[in-house]
């Protein structure tokens, strides 16, 4: 085959900067094939729109080939024969036949060949992003489905993709164990409490300083009116120092607010990820129960809600 690829243009939302990639090799590096690295940052399905200019090395005109290829949602996970099973997992009863689960796997993962199955399913993947393992298991007799991964966000995405989007199941409860995520949640909640305490203390100090500033302004003006210039200067020096303290406290309060917002955001993210391990009413109930447990400052109940769906 004497044909060469002169230029390739790939349009793909969410992969390339500017949503496109152009490859135009120099004359000495022109070959019959071009390799392009695709690293989707998130687990979302992507359509690749490709245009390739193909011809001969001596050609002045090239034929343009246009094609579209679909990149499945979980294309960044490759099958691995042996992995260390993650300690974290989520398990539930799936009221569907094993054959449909296999069809879902074939549709949402980028596989060299389609799965074959018997009465049980156990397949291991490795993440092409960070090398973390993923194990998917199902017992065809008991319909028990288990996802083993240390990434709670990935577990939730898999459940939403399979249960809600592919099988259209409206309600699903599950039992989960993600100790690192629960520990992170507790850490952020404790951080929120500390930041709120500091925020209240700073607000009180700023209020006290504001009162002191008003008093110093009045005293300095009184000293000016009675001709006590030295005393007036002393008051204004104290006023300047107090004003600098007020500015410093305001900057601290701004940083405190930024940290508080970030901690609250992370708390909400973890709760939403825990909610994604369920579908329908159990999901809504879990999110509401988590927020009630946080308001009651009951961290032990919060752990049980996330793990067991206890309401």
Protein backbone atom coordinates (compact mmCIF):
# COMPACT_ATOMS: atom_id res chain seq x y z
CA UNK A 1 0.00 0.00 0.00
CA UNK A 2 1.73 3.17 -1.23
CA UNK A 3 -0.91 5.57 0.05
CA UNK A 4 -0.09 7.94 2.88
CA UNK A 5 -2.11 10.05 5.30
CA UNK A 6 -1.19 13.68 4.83
CA UNK A 7 -3.47 15.32 7.39
CA UNK A 8 -6.00 14.26 9.99
CA UNK A 9 -8.58 16.49 11.67
CA UNK A 10 -10.50 15.11 14.65
CA UNK A 11 -13.46 16.86 16.23
CA UNK A 12 -14.37 15.60 19.71
CA UNK A 13 -16.03 17.55 22.48
CA UNK A 14 -14.34 17.26 25.85
CA UNK A 15 -11.09 15.59 24.75
CA UNK A 16 -9.05 18.20 22.92
CA UNK A 17 -8.40 21.82 23.74
CA UNK A 18 -10.64 23.81 21.45
CA UNK A 19 -12.63 20.59 20.81
CA UNK A 20 -10.46 19.61 17.83
CA UNK A 21 -7.05 18.20 16.96
CA UNK A 22 -5.13 18.64 13.70
CA UNK A 23 -2.20 16.39 12.78
CA UNK A 24 -0.06 17.47 9.82
CA UNK A 25 3.24 15.53 9.82
CA UNK A 26 6.34 17.06 8.26
CA UNK A 27 7.44 15.67 4.89
CA UNK A 28 10.01 13.29 6.39
CA UNK A 29 7.52 11.73 8.84
CA UNK A 30 4.63 10.98 6.49
CA UNK A 31 3.41 7.38 6.91
CA UNK A 32 0.45 5.19 5.91
CA UNK A 33 -0.90 5.50 9.46
CA UNK A 34 -1.16 8.12 12.20
CA UNK A 35 -1.64 7.38 15.90
CA UNK A 36 -3.62 9.77 18.09
CA UNK A 37 -3.79 9.49 21.88
CA UNK A 38 -7.31 9.83 23.26
CA UNK A 39 -7.64 10.47 27.00
CA UNK A 40 -11.20 11.50 27.92
CA UNK A 41 -11.00 13.26 31.31
CA UNK A 42 -14.48 12.07 32.29
CA UNK A 43 -16.54 8.93 31.76
CA UNK A 44 -18.94 10.22 29.13
CA UNK A 45 -19.81 8.86 25.67
CA UNK A 46 -18.07 10.80 22.91
CA UNK A 47 -18.55 10.95 19.15
CA UNK A 48 -15.35 11.33 17.14
CA UNK A 49 -15.74 13.10 13.81
CA UNK A 50 -12.68 12.35 11.68
CA UNK A 51 -11.47 13.83 8.39
CA UNK A 52 -8.39 12.32 6.77
CA UNK A 53 -6.53 13.50 3.65
CA UNK A 54 -5.21 10.37 1.89
CA UNK A 55 -3.11 10.10 -1.25
CA UNK A 56 0.36 9.25 -2.59
CA UNK A 57 3.64 10.86 -1.55
CA UNK A 58 3.88 12.63 -4.90
CA UNK A 59 0.23 13.75 -4.88
CA UNK A 60 -0.82 17.37 -5.05
CA UNK A 61 -4.47 16.48 -4.54
CA UNK A 62 -5.80 14.24 -1.80
CA UNK A 63 -8.96 12.28 -1.24
CA UNK A 64 -10.87 13.35 1.88
CA UNK A 65 -12.32 10.51 3.95
CA UNK A 66 -14.93 11.46 6.54
CA UNK A 67 -16.15 9.09 9.22
CA UNK A 68 -17.67 9.11 12.68
CA UNK A 69 -16.75 6.73 15.47
CA UNK A 70 -18.43 6.38 18.86
CA UNK A 71 -16.27 6.19 21.98
CA UNK A 72 -18.22 4.34 24.72
CA UNK A 73 -18.74 5.90 28.13
CA UNK A 74 -16.26 3.65 29.95
CA UNK A 75 -13.65 3.42 27.20
CA UNK A 76 -10.85 4.29 29.65
CA UNK A 77 -11.10 0.89 31.37
CA UNK A 78 -9.27 -2.07 29.84
CA UNK A 79 -9.86 -5.72 30.65
CA UNK A 80 -7.22 -7.21 32.94
CA UNK A 81 -6.89 -10.91 33.72
CA UNK A 82 -5.66 -10.42 37.27
CA UNK A 83 -6.11 -7.44 39.60
CA UNK A 84 -6.10 -6.95 43.35
CA UNK A 85 -9.73 -6.71 44.37
CA UNK A 86 -10.49 -3.29 45.87
CA UNK A 87 -11.67 -3.18 49.48
CA UNK A 88 -14.55 -0.80 48.73
CA UNK A 89 -17.68 -2.10 47.02
CA UNK A 90 -21.39 -1.65 46.40
CA UNK A 91 -23.79 -4.56 46.06
CA UNK A 92 -27.49 -4.86 45.20
CA UNK A 93 -30.08 -7.23 43.78
CA UNK A 94 -30.57 -6.62 40.06
CA UNK A 95 -33.97 -7.85 38.82
CA UNK A 96 -32.71 -8.58 35.31
CA UNK A 97 -31.14 -11.49 33.49
CA UNK A 98 -27.39 -11.80 33.18
CA UNK A 99 -27.64 -11.57 29.39
CA UNK A 100 -28.78 -7.94 29.58
CA UNK A 101 -25.85 -7.06 31.82
CA UNK A 102 -23.48 -8.57 29.27
CA UNK A 103 -25.15 -6.54 26.52
CA UNK A 104 -24.63 -3.40 28.62
CA UNK A 105 -20.94 -4.25 29.11
CA UNK A 106 -20.47 -4.74 25.38
CA UNK A 107 -22.16 -1.39 24.69
CA UNK A 108 -20.46 0.82 27.28
CA UNK A 109 -16.89 -0.55 27.42
CA UNK A 110 -14.36 -0.57 24.59
CA UNK A 111 -13.78 -4.30 24.16
CA UNK A 112 -11.63 -6.21 21.70
CA UNK A 113 -14.26 -8.95 21.54
CA UNK A 114 -17.69 -9.39 23.06
CA UNK A 115 -18.22 -11.14 26.37
CA UNK A 116 -19.38 -14.69 26.71
CA UNK A 117 -21.06 -15.78 29.92
CA UNK A 118 -22.44 -18.76 31.82
CA UNK A 119 -24.36 -18.62 35.12
CA UNK A 120 -22.04 -16.10 36.75
CA UNK A 121 -20.10 -13.07 35.62
CA UNK A 122 -16.80 -11.81 36.97
CA UNK A 123 -14.76 -9.39 34.91
CA UNK A 124 -11.81 -7.23 35.94
CA UNK A 125 -10.75 -3.91 34.46
CA UNK A 126 -7.84 -1.56 34.98
CA UNK A 127 -8.17 2.20 34.70
CA UNK A 128 -6.04 3.68 31.93
CA UNK A 129 -5.95 6.97 33.86
CA UNK A 130 -4.44 5.92 37.18
CA UNK A 131 -4.11 2.12 37.07
CA UNK A 132 -6.80 1.54 39.71
CA UNK A 133 -8.71 -1.78 39.52
CA UNK A 134 -12.40 -2.30 38.85
CA UNK A 135 -14.21 -5.62 39.30
CA UNK A 136 -17.79 -6.29 38.18
CA UNK A 137 -19.51 -9.45 39.42
CA UNK A 138 -22.98 -10.95 39.12
CA UNK A 139 -24.49 -14.22 40.27
CA UNK A 140 -27.03 -15.30 37.69
CA UNK A 141 -28.98 -17.40 40.22
CA UNK A 142 -29.32 -14.93 43.10
CA UNK A 143 -29.18 -11.81 40.86
CA UNK A 144 -26.68 -10.29 43.29
CA UNK A 145 -24.64 -7.63 41.51
CA UNK A 146 -21.38 -6.28 42.97
CA UNK A 147 -19.10 -3.47 41.84
CA UNK A 148 -15.69 -3.39 43.51
CA UNK A 149 -13.77 -0.14 43.20
CA UNK A 150 -12.21 2.42 45.52
CA UNK A 151 -13.72 5.20 43.40
CA UNK A 152 -17.24 5.95 44.68
CA UNK A 153 -17.88 8.31 41.76
CA UNK A 154 -17.12 5.53 39.25
CA UNK A 155 -19.36 3.09 41.14
CA UNK A 156 -22.21 5.60 41.01
CA UNK A 157 -21.69 6.25 37.30
CA UNK A 158 -21.78 2.51 36.58
CA UNK A 159 -25.01 2.05 38.54
CA UNK A 160 -26.71 5.03 36.90
CA UNK A 161 -25.59 3.85 33.46
CA UNK A 162 -26.71 0.23 33.93
CA UNK A 163 -29.76 0.50 36.17
CA UNK A 164 -31.32 3.84 35.27
CA UNK A 165 -30.22 4.55 31.70
CA UNK A 166 -29.89 1.06 30.18
CA UNK A 167 -32.41 -1.05 32.11
CA UNK A 168 -34.80 1.83 32.98
CA UNK A 169 -35.29 0.61 36.56
CA UNK A 170 -36.97 3.36 38.57
CA UNK A 171 -36.06 2.36 42.16
CA UNK A 172 -33.01 0.52 43.45
CA UNK A 173 -31.50 0.16 46.93
CA UNK A 174 -27.96 -0.96 47.60
CA UNK A 175 -25.45 -1.70 50.35
CA UNK A 176 -22.10 0.02 50.07
CA UNK A 177 -18.77 0.14 51.86
CA UNK A 178 -16.48 3.07 51.07
CA UNK A 179 -14.55 3.77 54.31
CA UNK A 180 -12.15 6.34 52.75
CA UNK A 181 -15.10 8.42 51.47
CA UNK A 182 -16.84 8.29 54.86
CA UNK A 183 -13.60 9.42 56.54
CA UNK A 184 -13.27 12.28 54.05
CA UNK A 185 -16.86 13.31 54.71
CA UNK A 186 -16.29 13.35 58.47
CA UNK A 187 -13.13 15.41 57.97
CA UNK A 188 -14.97 18.01 55.90
CA UNK A 189 -17.85 18.19 58.39
CA UNK A 190 -15.40 18.79 61.25
CA UNK A 191 -13.68 21.40 59.10
CA UNK A 192 -17.02 23.15 58.50
CA UNK A 193 -17.72 23.27 62.24
CA UNK A 194 -14.28 24.75 62.97
CA UNK A 195 -14.58 27.31 60.18
CA UNK A 196 -18.04 28.37 61.34
CA UNK A 197 -16.70 28.82 64.88
CA UNK A 198 -13.82 30.96 63.59
CA UNK A 199 -16.26 32.92 61.43
CA UNK A 200 -18.42 33.79 64.44
CA UNK A 201 -15.38 34.84 66.48
CA UNK A 202 -14.10 37.04 63.64
CA UNK A 203 -17.52 38.65 63.24
CA UNK A 204 -17.58 39.51 66.95
CA UNK A 205 -14.04 40.96 66.83
CA UNK A 206 -14.85 43.06 63.76
CA UNK A 207 -17.98 44.40 65.48
CA UNK A 208 -15.96 45.34 68.59
CA UNK A 209 -13.29 47.05 66.47
CA UNK A 210 -15.96 48.98 64.56
CA UNK A 211 -17.33 50.36 67.83
CA UNK A 212 -13.81 51.28 68.98
CA UNK A 213 -13.13 53.06 65.66
CA UNK A 214 -16.25 55.20 66.03
CA UNK A 215 -15.21 56.16 69.56
CA UNK A 216 -11.69 57.11 68.44
CA UNK A 217 -13.05 59.26 65.61
CA UNK A 218 -15.24 61.18 68.07
CA UNK A 219 -12.39 61.61 70.58
CA UNK A 220 -9.95 62.76 67.90
CA UNK A 221 -12.44 65.35 66.67
CA UNK A 222 -13.08 66.56 70.23
CA UNK A 223 -9.32 66.91 70.81
CA UNK A 224 -9.01 68.96 67.61
CA UNK A 225 -11.82 71.29 68.65
CA UNK A 226 -10.24 72.05 72.03
CA UNK A 227 -6.77 72.49 70.50
CA UNK A 228 -5.18 69.32 71.94
CA UNK A 229 -3.18 68.57 68.79
CA UNK A 230 -0.82 66.04 70.41
CA UNK A 231 -3.75 64.12 71.90
CA UNK A 232 -5.51 64.27 68.53
CA UNK A 233 -2.45 62.74 66.83
CA UNK A 234 -2.36 59.95 69.42
CA UNK A 235 -6.01 59.16 68.75
CA UNK A 236 -5.43 59.10 64.99
CA UNK A 237 -2.38 56.83 65.41
CA UNK A 238 -4.52 54.45 67.46
CA UNK A 239 -7.23 54.74 64.82
CA UNK A 240 -4.76 53.87 62.04
CA UNK A 241 -3.49 50.81 63.93
CA UNK A 242 -7.05 49.66 64.64
CA UNK A 243 -8.00 50.18 61.00
CA UNK A 244 -5.05 48.01 59.89
CA UNK A 245 -6.19 45.31 62.31
CA UNK A 246 -9.68 45.56 60.84
CA UNK A 247 -8.34 45.12 57.30
CA UNK A 248 -6.30 42.08 58.39
CA UNK A 249 -9.32 40.52 60.08
CA UNK A 250 -11.40 41.16 56.96
CA UNK A 251 -8.83 39.33 54.79
CA UNK A 252 -8.83 36.42 57.25
CA UNK A 253 -12.63 36.38 57.15
CA UNK A 254 -12.60 36.32 53.33
CA UNK A 255 -10.22 33.34 53.34
CA UNK A 256 -12.36 31.68 56.00
CA UNK A 257 -15.43 32.15 53.79
CA UNK A 258 -13.61 30.65 50.79
CA UNK A 259 -12.51 27.61 52.83
CA UNK A 260 -16.01 27.21 54.28
CA UNK A 261 -17.66 27.28 50.84
CA UNK A 262 -15.14 24.72 49.53
CA UNK A 263 -15.70 22.38 52.50
CA UNK A 264 -19.49 22.63 52.15
CA UNK A 265 -19.12 21.94 48.43
CA UNK A 266 -17.07 18.80 49.12
CA UNK A 267 -19.63 17.60 51.69
CA UNK A 268 -22.39 18.00 49.11
CA UNK A 269 -20.31 16.24 46.41
CA UNK A 270 -19.71 13.18 48.62
CA UNK A 271 -23.41 13.00 49.56
CA UNK A 272 -24.41 13.22 45.89
CA UNK A 273 -21.93 10.46 45.01
CA UNK A 274 -23.35 8.27 47.77
CA UNK A 275 -26.82 9.03 46.41
CA UNK A 276 -25.76 7.85 42.95
CA UNK A 277 -25.25 4.37 44.42
CA UNK A 278 -29.06 4.21 44.54
CA UNK A 279 -31.80 4.99 42.04
CA UNK A 280 -35.15 6.74 42.41
CA UNK A 281 -36.77 7.12 45.84
CA UNK A 282 -33.91 5.42 47.76
CA UNK A 283 -31.54 7.98 46.25
CA UNK A 284 -33.67 10.97 47.32
CA UNK A 285 -34.25 9.49 50.78
CA UNK A 286 -30.54 8.88 51.31
CA UNK A 287 -29.60 12.46 50.37
CA UNK A 288 -32.26 13.91 52.70
CA UNK A 289 -31.27 11.54 55.53
CA UNK A 290 -27.59 12.49 55.16
CA UNK A 291 -28.42 16.18 55.43
CA UNK A 292 -30.58 15.57 58.51
CA UNK A 293 -27.76 13.58 60.13
CA UNK A 294 -25.33 16.43 59.43
CA UNK A 295 -27.71 18.95 61.02
CA UNK A 296 -27.93 16.68 64.08
CA UNK A 297 -24.12 16.27 64.03
CA UNK A 298 -24.61 12.50 64.16
CA UNK A 299 -21.58 11.19 62.25
CA UNK A 300 -22.16 7.54 63.20
CA UNK A 301 -25.66 7.65 61.74
CA UNK A 302 -24.24 9.35 58.66
CA UNK A 303 -21.84 6.44 58.11
CA UNK A 304 -24.67 3.91 58.38
CA UNK A 305 -26.85 5.89 55.98
CA UNK A 306 -24.13 5.96 53.33
CA UNK A 307 -23.15 2.32 53.81
CA UNK A 308 -26.46 0.60 54.47
CA UNK A 309 -29.01 3.11 53.26
CA UNK A 310 -30.39 3.30 56.81
CA UNK A 311 -32.95 6.09 57.12
